[in-house]
Amino acid sequence: MEFYCVMVETGKEKAFKALAEKAVPCVSFYFFERTLKTNKGKLFDAPLFPGYLFFSCESLTPSLVADLRKIEGFYRILRETSEPTKILGEELDELKLFIHNGERWGISKVQFLPGQNIKVISGPLLGLEGKIYKINKKKKHITVISSLMNDGKRFDLLYEDVVIVE
């Protein structure tokens, strides 16, 4: 299987996914959401990577690209539609972990490691390791830099318990 990322209209990711699954049934699409809290403590779901969907296919053929271009909300396949970049290596490992844990993520338990790395020890992202960009202890969330997106995309995760490793 080959894995790619497609940029779509922000806020219309779910609609694009539904249309794409009908238009190209041989392709699997993934759109990830995580649980966050408002300032008043109310939980809500938000996209992990707004404006992006990931997909897997046997082979990215010109006809498949043409079919994707026809879907409302399509912008491009990353890096460029004319030269799509396969997701490989460490980025693919992270994407497969995301896929394995499902498209909707709740609250995880996080272990802080020396050198400002985190390791998720339970919950929907069990096994994820990443670099911490920012910690908000009051809101109980951390901002993690993802290796999946080449531009160092950041996302917030809620955590319940913190274990300090020495």
N, C-alpha and C. Protein backbone atom coordinates (compact mmCIF):
# COMPACT_ATOMS: atom_id res chain seq x y z
N MET A 1 0.83 -1.19 0.00
CA MET A 1 0.00 0.00 0.00
C MET A 1 0.87 1.25 0.00
N GLU A 2 0.38 2.26 -0.67
CA GLU A 2 1.03 3.57 -0.69
C GLU A 2 0.15 4.53 0.10
N PHE A 3 0.79 5.47 0.81
CA PHE A 3 0.06 6.44 1.63
C PHE A 3 0.42 7.85 1.17
N TYR A 4 -0.62 8.71 1.12
CA TYR A 4 -0.46 10.09 0.68
C TYR A 4 -1.33 11.01 1.55
N CYS A 5 -1.11 12.30 1.40
CA CYS A 5 -1.91 13.30 2.09
C CYS A 5 -2.54 14.21 1.04
N VAL A 6 -3.82 14.52 1.22
CA VAL A 6 -4.53 15.40 0.30
C VAL A 6 -5.00 16.63 1.07
N MET A 7 -4.83 17.79 0.45
CA MET A 7 -5.30 19.04 1.05
C MET A 7 -6.69 19.32 0.48
N VAL A 8 -7.64 19.60 1.40
CA VAL A 8 -9.02 19.86 1.01
C VAL A 8 -9.49 21.15 1.68
N GLU A 9 -10.68 21.56 1.34
CA GLU A 9 -11.23 22.78 1.93
C GLU A 9 -11.42 22.58 3.43
N THR A 10 -10.86 23.47 4.22
CA THR A 10 -10.95 23.38 5.68
C THR A 10 -12.41 23.50 6.12
N GLY A 11 -12.79 22.63 7.03
CA GLY A 11 -14.16 22.59 7.52
C GLY A 11 -15.05 21.66 6.72
N LYS A 12 -14.57 21.19 5.59
CA LYS A 12 -15.36 20.30 4.73
C LYS A 12 -14.69 18.93 4.58
N GLU A 13 -13.81 18.60 5.51
CA GLU A 13 -13.05 17.36 5.42
C GLU A 13 -13.96 16.13 5.43
N LYS A 14 -14.96 16.12 6.33
CA LYS A 14 -15.86 14.96 6.41
C LYS A 14 -16.70 14.82 5.14
N ALA A 15 -17.15 15.95 4.60
CA ALA A 15 -17.93 15.92 3.36
C ALA A 15 -17.06 15.40 2.21
N PHE A 16 -15.82 15.87 2.14
CA PHE A 16 -14.91 15.39 1.09
C PHE A 16 -14.69 13.90 1.24
N LYS A 17 -14.47 13.45 2.46
CA LYS A 17 -14.22 12.02 2.70
C LYS A 17 -15.40 11.18 2.23
N ALA A 18 -16.62 11.61 2.56
CA ALA A 18 -17.82 10.87 2.15
C ALA A 18 -17.93 10.80 0.62
N LEU A 19 -17.69 11.92 -0.05
CA LEU A 19 -17.74 11.95 -1.52
C LEU A 19 -16.63 11.10 -2.12
N ALA A 20 -15.44 11.18 -1.54
CA ALA A 20 -14.29 10.44 -2.07
C ALA A 20 -14.48 8.93 -1.92
N GLU A 21 -15.05 8.52 -0.79
CA GLU A 21 -15.26 7.08 -0.57
C GLU A 21 -16.23 6.50 -1.61
N LYS A 22 -17.18 7.32 -2.07
CA LYS A 22 -18.11 6.87 -3.12
C LYS A 22 -17.44 6.92 -4.49
N ALA A 23 -16.68 7.98 -4.75
CA ALA A 23 -16.07 8.18 -6.07
C ALA A 23 -14.93 7.21 -6.35
N VAL A 24 -14.15 6.89 -5.33
CA VAL A 24 -13.00 5.98 -5.50
C VAL A 24 -13.00 4.94 -4.37
N PRO A 25 -13.89 3.94 -4.48
CA PRO A 25 -14.05 2.97 -3.39
C PRO A 25 -12.82 2.10 -3.12
N CYS A 26 -11.87 2.08 -4.04
CA CYS A 26 -10.66 1.26 -3.84
C CYS A 26 -9.63 1.97 -2.95
N VAL A 27 -9.94 3.18 -2.49
CA VAL A 27 -9.02 3.98 -1.69
C VAL A 27 -9.59 4.12 -0.27
N SER A 28 -8.73 4.04 0.74
CA SER A 28 -9.14 4.26 2.13
C SER A 28 -8.73 5.66 2.55
N PHE A 29 -9.67 6.42 3.11
CA PHE A 29 -9.41 7.79 3.54
C PHE A 29 -9.47 7.87 5.06
N TYR A 30 -8.64 8.77 5.64
CA TYR A 30 -8.54 8.92 7.08
C TYR A 30 -8.56 10.41 7.45
N PHE A 31 -9.45 10.76 8.38
CA PHE A 31 -9.54 12.12 8.89
C PHE A 31 -9.57 12.00 10.41
N PHE A 32 -8.59 12.58 11.08
CA PHE A 32 -8.41 12.40 12.52
C PHE A 32 -8.95 13.59 13.31
N GLU A 33 -9.67 13.26 14.40
CA GLU A 33 -10.18 14.27 15.33
C GLU A 33 -9.75 13.89 16.74
N ARG A 34 -9.56 14.91 17.59
CA ARG A 34 -9.21 14.66 18.98
C ARG A 34 -10.11 15.48 19.88
N THR A 35 -10.25 15.02 21.11
CA THR A 35 -11.08 15.70 22.11
C THR A 35 -10.27 16.81 22.76
N LEU A 36 -10.87 17.98 22.87
CA LEU A 36 -10.28 19.13 23.56
C LEU A 36 -11.30 19.69 24.54
N LYS A 37 -10.85 20.66 25.35
CA LYS A 37 -11.74 21.32 26.31
C LYS A 37 -11.81 22.80 26.01
N THR A 38 -13.01 23.36 26.22
CA THR A 38 -13.15 24.81 26.13
C THR A 38 -12.59 25.41 27.41
N ASN A 39 -12.52 26.73 27.48
CA ASN A 39 -12.05 27.41 28.70
C ASN A 39 -12.97 27.12 29.89
N LYS A 40 -14.22 26.77 29.61
CA LYS A 40 -15.17 26.46 30.67
C LYS A 40 -15.20 24.97 31.00
N GLY A 41 -14.30 24.19 30.40
CA GLY A 41 -14.20 22.77 30.73
C GLY A 41 -15.08 21.84 29.93
N LYS A 42 -15.79 22.37 28.95
CA LYS A 42 -16.67 21.54 28.12
C LYS A 42 -15.84 20.83 27.05
N LEU A 43 -16.09 19.53 26.86
CA LEU A 43 -15.35 18.75 25.86
C LEU A 43 -15.95 18.93 24.48
N PHE A 44 -15.09 18.94 23.46
CA PHE A 44 -15.54 18.99 22.07
C PHE A 44 -14.50 18.32 21.20
N ASP A 45 -14.92 17.89 20.00
CA ASP A 45 -14.01 17.27 19.04
C ASP A 45 -13.54 18.31 18.03
N ALA A 46 -12.26 18.23 17.68
CA ALA A 46 -11.67 19.17 16.72
C ALA A 46 -10.73 18.38 15.81
N PRO A 47 -10.58 18.83 14.56
CA PRO A 47 -9.67 18.14 13.65
C PRO A 47 -8.23 18.17 14.16
N LEU A 48 -7.52 17.09 13.94
CA LEU A 48 -6.11 17.05 14.30
C LEU A 48 -5.30 17.86 13.29
N PHE A 49 -5.57 17.64 12.00
CA PHE A 49 -4.92 18.37 10.92
C PHE A 49 -6.01 19.01 10.06
N PRO A 50 -6.49 20.21 10.43
CA PRO A 50 -7.55 20.84 9.64
C PRO A 50 -7.13 21.03 8.19
N GLY A 51 -8.02 20.63 7.28
CA GLY A 51 -7.77 20.80 5.85
C GLY A 51 -6.99 19.67 5.22
N TYR A 52 -6.72 18.61 5.97
CA TYR A 52 -5.94 17.50 5.42
C TYR A 52 -6.62 16.16 5.68
N LEU A 53 -6.58 15.30 4.69
CA LEU A 53 -6.99 13.90 4.81
C LEU A 53 -5.81 13.06 4.34
N PHE A 54 -5.69 11.88 4.89
CA PHE A 54 -4.68 10.94 4.45
C PHE A 54 -5.40 9.83 3.70
N PHE A 55 -4.71 9.21 2.76
CA PHE A 55 -5.34 8.09 2.06
C PHE A 55 -4.31 7.05 1.68
N SER A 56 -4.81 5.82 1.52
CA SER A 56 -3.96 4.72 1.09
C SER A 56 -4.58 4.07 -0.14
N CYS A 57 -3.71 3.62 -1.03
CA CYS A 57 -4.15 2.96 -2.25
C CYS A 57 -3.06 1.99 -2.69
N GLU A 58 -3.42 1.08 -3.57
CA GLU A 58 -2.42 0.15 -4.09
C GLU A 58 -1.37 0.91 -4.90
N SER A 59 -1.84 1.81 -5.74
CA SER A 59 -0.94 2.61 -6.57
C SER A 59 -1.65 3.89 -6.98
N LEU A 60 -0.96 5.00 -6.92
CA LEU A 60 -1.55 6.29 -7.29
C LEU A 60 -1.41 6.47 -8.79
N THR A 61 -2.45 6.08 -9.50
CA THR A 61 -2.45 6.14 -10.96
C THR A 61 -2.95 7.50 -11.43
N PRO A 62 -2.64 7.87 -12.67
CA PRO A 62 -3.18 9.13 -13.21
C PRO A 62 -4.71 9.18 -13.19
N SER A 63 -5.37 8.05 -13.42
CA SER A 63 -6.85 8.06 -13.40
C SER A 63 -7.37 8.28 -11.98
N LEU A 64 -6.69 7.74 -10.99
CA LEU A 64 -7.08 7.97 -9.59
C LEU A 64 -6.91 9.45 -9.23
N VAL A 65 -5.82 10.04 -9.65
CA VAL A 65 -5.59 11.48 -9.41
C VAL A 65 -6.69 12.29 -10.08
N ALA A 66 -7.04 11.93 -11.31
CA ALA A 66 -8.10 12.63 -12.04
C ALA A 66 -9.44 12.52 -11.31
N ASP A 67 -9.73 11.32 -10.76
CA ASP A 67 -10.97 11.13 -10.00
C ASP A 67 -10.98 11.99 -8.74
N LEU A 68 -9.85 12.08 -8.05
CA LEU A 68 -9.77 12.90 -6.84
C LEU A 68 -9.96 14.39 -7.16
N ARG A 69 -9.39 14.83 -8.27
CA ARG A 69 -9.50 16.24 -8.66
C ARG A 69 -10.94 16.67 -8.91
N LYS A 70 -11.78 15.73 -9.29
CA LYS A 70 -13.19 16.03 -9.61
C LYS A 70 -14.04 16.22 -8.36
N ILE A 71 -13.56 15.80 -7.20
CA ILE A 71 -14.34 15.85 -5.98
C ILE A 71 -14.35 17.27 -5.41
N GLU A 72 -15.54 17.74 -5.06
CA GLU A 72 -15.69 19.09 -4.53
C GLU A 72 -14.88 19.27 -3.26
N GLY A 73 -14.09 20.34 -3.19
CA GLY A 73 -13.27 20.64 -2.03
C GLY A 73 -11.82 20.23 -2.18
N PHE A 74 -11.48 19.52 -3.27
CA PHE A 74 -10.10 19.08 -3.50
C PHE A 74 -9.22 20.28 -3.83
N TYR A 75 -8.04 20.37 -3.19
CA TYR A 75 -7.05 21.39 -3.54
C TYR A 75 -5.85 20.76 -4.22
N ARG A 76 -5.22 19.81 -3.51
CA ARG A 76 -4.05 19.17 -4.11
C ARG A 76 -3.62 17.97 -3.29
N ILE A 77 -2.82 17.12 -3.90
CA ILE A 77 -2.14 16.04 -3.18
C ILE A 77 -0.78 16.59 -2.82
N LEU A 78 -0.37 16.42 -1.58
CA LEU A 78 0.90 17.00 -1.16
C LEU A 78 2.08 16.25 -1.73
N ARG A 79 3.07 16.87 -1.93
CA ARG A 79 3.53 18.24 -2.04
C ARG A 79 2.86 18.93 -3.21
N GLU A 80 2.92 18.34 -4.36
CA GLU A 80 2.23 18.88 -5.53
C GLU A 80 1.48 17.75 -6.21
N THR A 81 0.29 18.04 -6.72
CA THR A 81 -0.51 17.00 -7.38
C THR A 81 0.25 16.41 -8.56
N SER A 82 1.03 17.23 -9.24
CA SER A 82 1.79 16.73 -10.39
C SER A 82 2.94 15.82 -9.97
N GLU A 83 3.42 15.94 -8.74
CA GLU A 83 4.48 15.09 -8.20
C GLU A 83 4.16 14.75 -6.74
N PRO A 84 3.17 13.87 -6.53
CA PRO A 84 2.78 13.53 -5.15
C PRO A 84 3.91 12.84 -4.39
N THR A 85 3.98 13.15 -3.10
CA THR A 85 5.02 12.58 -2.24
C THR A 85 4.42 11.47 -1.39
N LYS A 86 4.98 10.27 -1.50
CA LYS A 86 4.55 9.15 -0.65
C LYS A 86 4.98 9.43 0.78
N ILE A 87 4.16 8.98 1.71
CA ILE A 87 4.52 9.07 3.13
C ILE A 87 5.32 7.81 3.44
N LEU A 88 6.55 8.01 3.93
CA LEU A 88 7.47 6.89 4.16
C LEU A 88 8.16 7.03 5.52
N GLY A 89 8.85 6.00 5.94
CA GLY A 89 9.72 6.03 7.11
C GLY A 89 9.01 6.35 8.40
N GLU A 90 9.62 7.24 9.18
CA GLU A 90 9.10 7.64 10.49
C GLU A 90 7.70 8.24 10.38
N GLU A 91 7.46 9.01 9.32
CA GLU A 91 6.14 9.61 9.11
C GLU A 91 5.09 8.53 8.89
N LEU A 92 5.44 7.49 8.12
CA LEU A 92 4.50 6.40 7.86
C LEU A 92 4.22 5.62 9.14
N ASP A 93 5.25 5.42 9.96
CA ASP A 93 5.05 4.73 11.24
C ASP A 93 4.05 5.49 12.10
N GLU A 94 4.18 6.82 12.16
CA GLU A 94 3.27 7.64 12.95
C GLU A 94 1.86 7.57 12.37
N LEU A 95 1.73 7.66 11.04
CA LEU A 95 0.42 7.59 10.40
C LEU A 95 -0.24 6.23 10.68
N LYS A 96 0.51 5.16 10.60
CA LYS A 96 -0.05 3.82 10.86
C LYS A 96 -0.52 3.70 12.31
N LEU A 97 0.20 4.32 13.24
CA LEU A 97 -0.24 4.35 14.64
C LEU A 97 -1.57 5.09 14.75
N PHE A 98 -1.67 6.23 14.07
CA PHE A 98 -2.91 6.99 14.08
C PHE A 98 -4.06 6.15 13.52
N ILE A 99 -3.83 5.50 12.38
CA ILE A 99 -4.86 4.68 11.74
C ILE A 99 -5.27 3.54 12.66
N HIS A 100 -4.30 2.90 13.27
CA HIS A 100 -4.56 1.77 14.17
C HIS A 100 -5.44 2.19 15.35
N ASN A 101 -5.24 3.41 15.84
CA ASN A 101 -5.98 3.88 17.01
C ASN A 101 -7.31 4.54 16.68
N GLY A 102 -7.67 4.58 15.41
CA GLY A 102 -8.97 5.12 15.01
C GLY A 102 -8.93 6.60 14.69
N GLU A 103 -10.00 7.07 14.11
CA GLU A 103 -10.04 8.45 13.65
C GLU A 103 -10.52 9.45 14.71
N ARG A 104 -11.09 8.98 15.81
CA ARG A 104 -11.54 9.87 16.90
C ARG A 104 -10.79 9.51 18.15
N TRP A 105 -10.14 10.50 18.73
CA TRP A 105 -9.29 10.27 19.89
C TRP A 105 -9.86 10.96 21.11
N GLY A 106 -9.85 10.24 22.20
CA GLY A 106 -10.28 10.80 23.49
C GLY A 106 -9.07 11.35 24.23
N ILE A 107 -9.08 11.18 25.54
CA ILE A 107 -8.02 11.70 26.40
C ILE A 107 -7.03 10.58 26.68
N SER A 108 -5.76 10.89 26.64
CA SER A 108 -4.70 9.90 26.84
C SER A 108 -3.92 10.18 28.12
N LYS A 109 -3.22 9.19 28.60
CA LYS A 109 -2.26 9.37 29.69
C LYS A 109 -0.90 9.53 29.04
N VAL A 110 -0.15 10.52 29.51
CA VAL A 110 1.11 10.89 28.87
C VAL A 110 2.25 10.74 29.85
N GLN A 111 3.39 10.28 29.34
CA GLN A 111 4.60 10.15 30.14
C GLN A 111 5.61 11.14 29.58
N PHE A 112 6.10 12.05 30.43
CA PHE A 112 7.09 13.02 29.99
C PHE A 112 8.46 12.39 30.16
N LEU A 113 9.26 12.48 29.13
CA LEU A 113 10.59 11.89 29.13
C LEU A 113 11.65 12.97 29.11
N PRO A 114 12.87 12.66 29.51
CA PRO A 114 13.95 13.65 29.44
C PRO A 114 14.10 14.19 28.02
N GLY A 115 14.52 15.43 27.91
CA GLY A 115 14.70 16.04 26.59
C GLY A 115 13.40 16.50 25.97
N GLN A 116 12.36 16.69 26.81
CA GLN A 116 11.07 17.20 26.36
C GLN A 116 10.40 16.31 25.32
N ASN A 117 10.50 15.00 25.49
CA ASN A 117 9.75 14.07 24.65
C ASN A 117 8.61 13.50 25.48
N ILE A 118 7.53 13.14 24.81
CA ILE A 118 6.41 12.52 25.50
C ILE A 118 6.23 11.11 24.97
N LYS A 119 5.61 10.31 25.80
CA LYS A 119 5.21 8.97 25.38
C LYS A 119 3.82 8.74 25.95
N VAL A 120 2.88 8.38 25.08
CA VAL A 120 1.52 8.09 25.51
C VAL A 120 1.51 6.68 26.08
N ILE A 121 1.04 6.55 27.34
CA ILE A 121 1.10 5.25 28.02
C ILE A 121 -0.27 4.57 28.12
N SER A 122 -1.35 5.28 27.78
CA SER A 122 -2.66 4.64 27.69
C SER A 122 -3.58 5.56 26.91
N GLY A 123 -4.70 5.02 26.49
CA GLY A 123 -5.66 5.82 25.75
C GLY A 123 -5.56 5.59 24.26
N PRO A 124 -6.22 6.43 23.49
CA PRO A 124 -6.33 6.21 22.05
C PRO A 124 -5.01 6.36 21.28
N LEU A 125 -4.02 7.00 21.86
CA LEU A 125 -2.73 7.18 21.17
C LEU A 125 -1.61 6.38 21.81
N LEU A 126 -1.94 5.26 22.46
CA LEU A 126 -0.97 4.41 23.11
C LEU A 126 0.22 4.14 22.20
N GLY A 127 1.42 4.43 22.69
CA GLY A 127 2.64 4.17 21.93
C GLY A 127 3.19 5.37 21.18
N LEU A 128 2.40 6.43 21.02
CA LEU A 128 2.88 7.62 20.31
C LEU A 128 3.99 8.28 21.11
N GLU A 129 5.09 8.58 20.44
CA GLU A 129 6.16 9.36 21.04
C GLU A 129 6.34 10.61 20.20
N GLY A 130 6.58 11.73 20.85
CA GLY A 130 6.74 12.96 20.10
C GLY A 130 7.43 14.03 20.91
N LYS A 131 7.74 15.12 20.24
CA LYS A 131 8.39 16.24 20.88
C LYS A 131 7.34 17.23 21.38
N ILE A 132 7.53 17.69 22.60
CA ILE A 132 6.61 18.66 23.17
C ILE A 132 7.01 20.05 22.70
N TYR A 133 6.03 20.79 22.23
CA TYR A 133 6.25 22.18 21.85
C TYR A 133 5.86 23.09 23.02
N LYS A 134 4.74 22.74 23.70
CA LYS A 134 4.22 23.59 24.77
C LYS A 134 3.40 22.73 25.73
N ILE A 135 3.41 23.10 27.01
CA ILE A 135 2.62 22.41 28.03
C ILE A 135 1.70 23.43 28.68
N ASN A 136 0.41 23.10 28.80
CA ASN A 136 -0.54 23.94 29.51
C ASN A 136 -1.12 23.10 30.64
N LYS A 137 -0.52 23.19 31.84
CA LYS A 137 -0.94 22.37 32.97
C LYS A 137 -2.34 22.74 33.44
N LYS A 138 -2.71 24.01 33.33
CA LYS A 138 -4.02 24.45 33.78
C LYS A 138 -5.13 23.78 32.96
N LYS A 139 -4.97 23.76 31.64
CA LYS A 139 -5.96 23.13 30.76
C LYS A 139 -5.71 21.64 30.57
N LYS A 140 -4.57 21.15 31.11
CA LYS A 140 -4.17 19.75 30.97
C LYS A 140 -4.07 19.35 29.50
N HIS A 141 -3.37 20.16 28.71
CA HIS A 141 -3.07 19.72 27.36
C HIS A 141 -1.65 20.09 26.99
N ILE A 142 -1.12 19.32 26.07
CA ILE A 142 0.22 19.55 25.55
C ILE A 142 0.13 19.77 24.05
N THR A 143 1.04 20.54 23.54
CA THR A 143 1.15 20.73 22.10
C THR A 143 2.35 19.92 21.64
N VAL A 144 2.10 19.00 20.71
CA VAL A 144 3.11 18.08 20.22
C VAL A 144 3.46 18.43 18.78
N ILE A 145 4.73 18.34 18.42
CA ILE A 145 5.17 18.53 17.04
C ILE A 145 5.14 17.17 16.36
N SER A 146 4.36 17.06 15.29
CA SER A 146 4.21 15.79 14.58
C SER A 146 5.33 15.60 13.57
N SER A 147 5.81 14.37 13.47
CA SER A 147 6.79 14.06 12.43
C SER A 147 6.08 13.72 11.13
N LEU A 148 4.76 13.55 11.18
CA LEU A 148 4.00 13.14 10.01
C LEU A 148 3.97 14.22 8.94
N MET A 149 3.88 15.47 9.34
CA MET A 149 3.84 16.57 8.38
C MET A 149 5.23 17.20 8.31
N ASN A 150 5.76 17.30 7.11
CA ASN A 150 7.11 17.80 6.91
C ASN A 150 7.33 19.21 7.45
N ASP A 151 6.25 19.99 7.56
CA ASP A 151 6.40 21.36 8.05
C ASP A 151 6.35 21.46 9.57
N GLY A 152 6.43 20.31 10.26
CA GLY A 152 6.43 20.33 11.71
C GLY A 152 5.10 20.73 12.30
N LYS A 153 4.01 20.27 11.69
CA LYS A 153 2.65 20.58 12.15
C LYS A 153 2.51 20.25 13.63
N ARG A 154 1.83 21.12 14.35
CA ARG A 154 1.62 20.94 15.78
C ARG A 154 0.15 20.63 16.05
N PHE A 155 -0.08 19.82 17.10
CA PHE A 155 -1.45 19.56 17.51
C PHE A 155 -1.50 19.43 19.02
N ASP A 156 -2.68 19.76 19.59
CA ASP A 156 -2.89 19.69 21.02
C ASP A 156 -3.53 18.37 21.38
N LEU A 157 -3.12 17.83 22.54
CA LEU A 157 -3.71 16.62 23.09
C LEU A 157 -4.04 16.87 24.55
N LEU A 158 -5.19 16.37 24.98
CA LEU A 158 -5.52 16.41 26.40
C LEU A 158 -4.81 15.25 27.08
N TYR A 159 -4.43 15.46 28.32
CA TYR A 159 -3.85 14.36 29.08
C TYR A 159 -4.50 14.30 30.45
N GLU A 160 -4.50 13.11 31.03
CA GLU A 160 -5.08 12.93 32.36
C GLU A 160 -4.00 12.91 33.43
N ASP A 161 -3.07 12.01 33.30
CA ASP A 161 -2.04 11.86 34.30
C ASP A 161 -0.68 12.03 33.66
N VAL A 162 0.25 12.55 34.41
CA VAL A 162 1.62 12.73 33.95
C VAL A 162 2.54 11.90 34.81
N VAL A 163 3.39 11.15 34.17
CA VAL A 163 4.40 10.38 34.88
C VAL A 163 5.74 10.93 34.46
N ILE A 164 6.54 11.39 35.42
CA ILE A 164 7.85 11.92 35.12
C ILE A 164 8.87 10.79 35.19
N VAL A 165 9.63 10.65 34.12
CA VAL A 165 10.63 9.58 34.05
C VAL A 165 12.00 10.18 34.33
N GLU A 166 12.75 9.56 35.24
CA GLU A 166 14.07 10.10 35.57
C GLU A 166 15.13 9.12 35.18
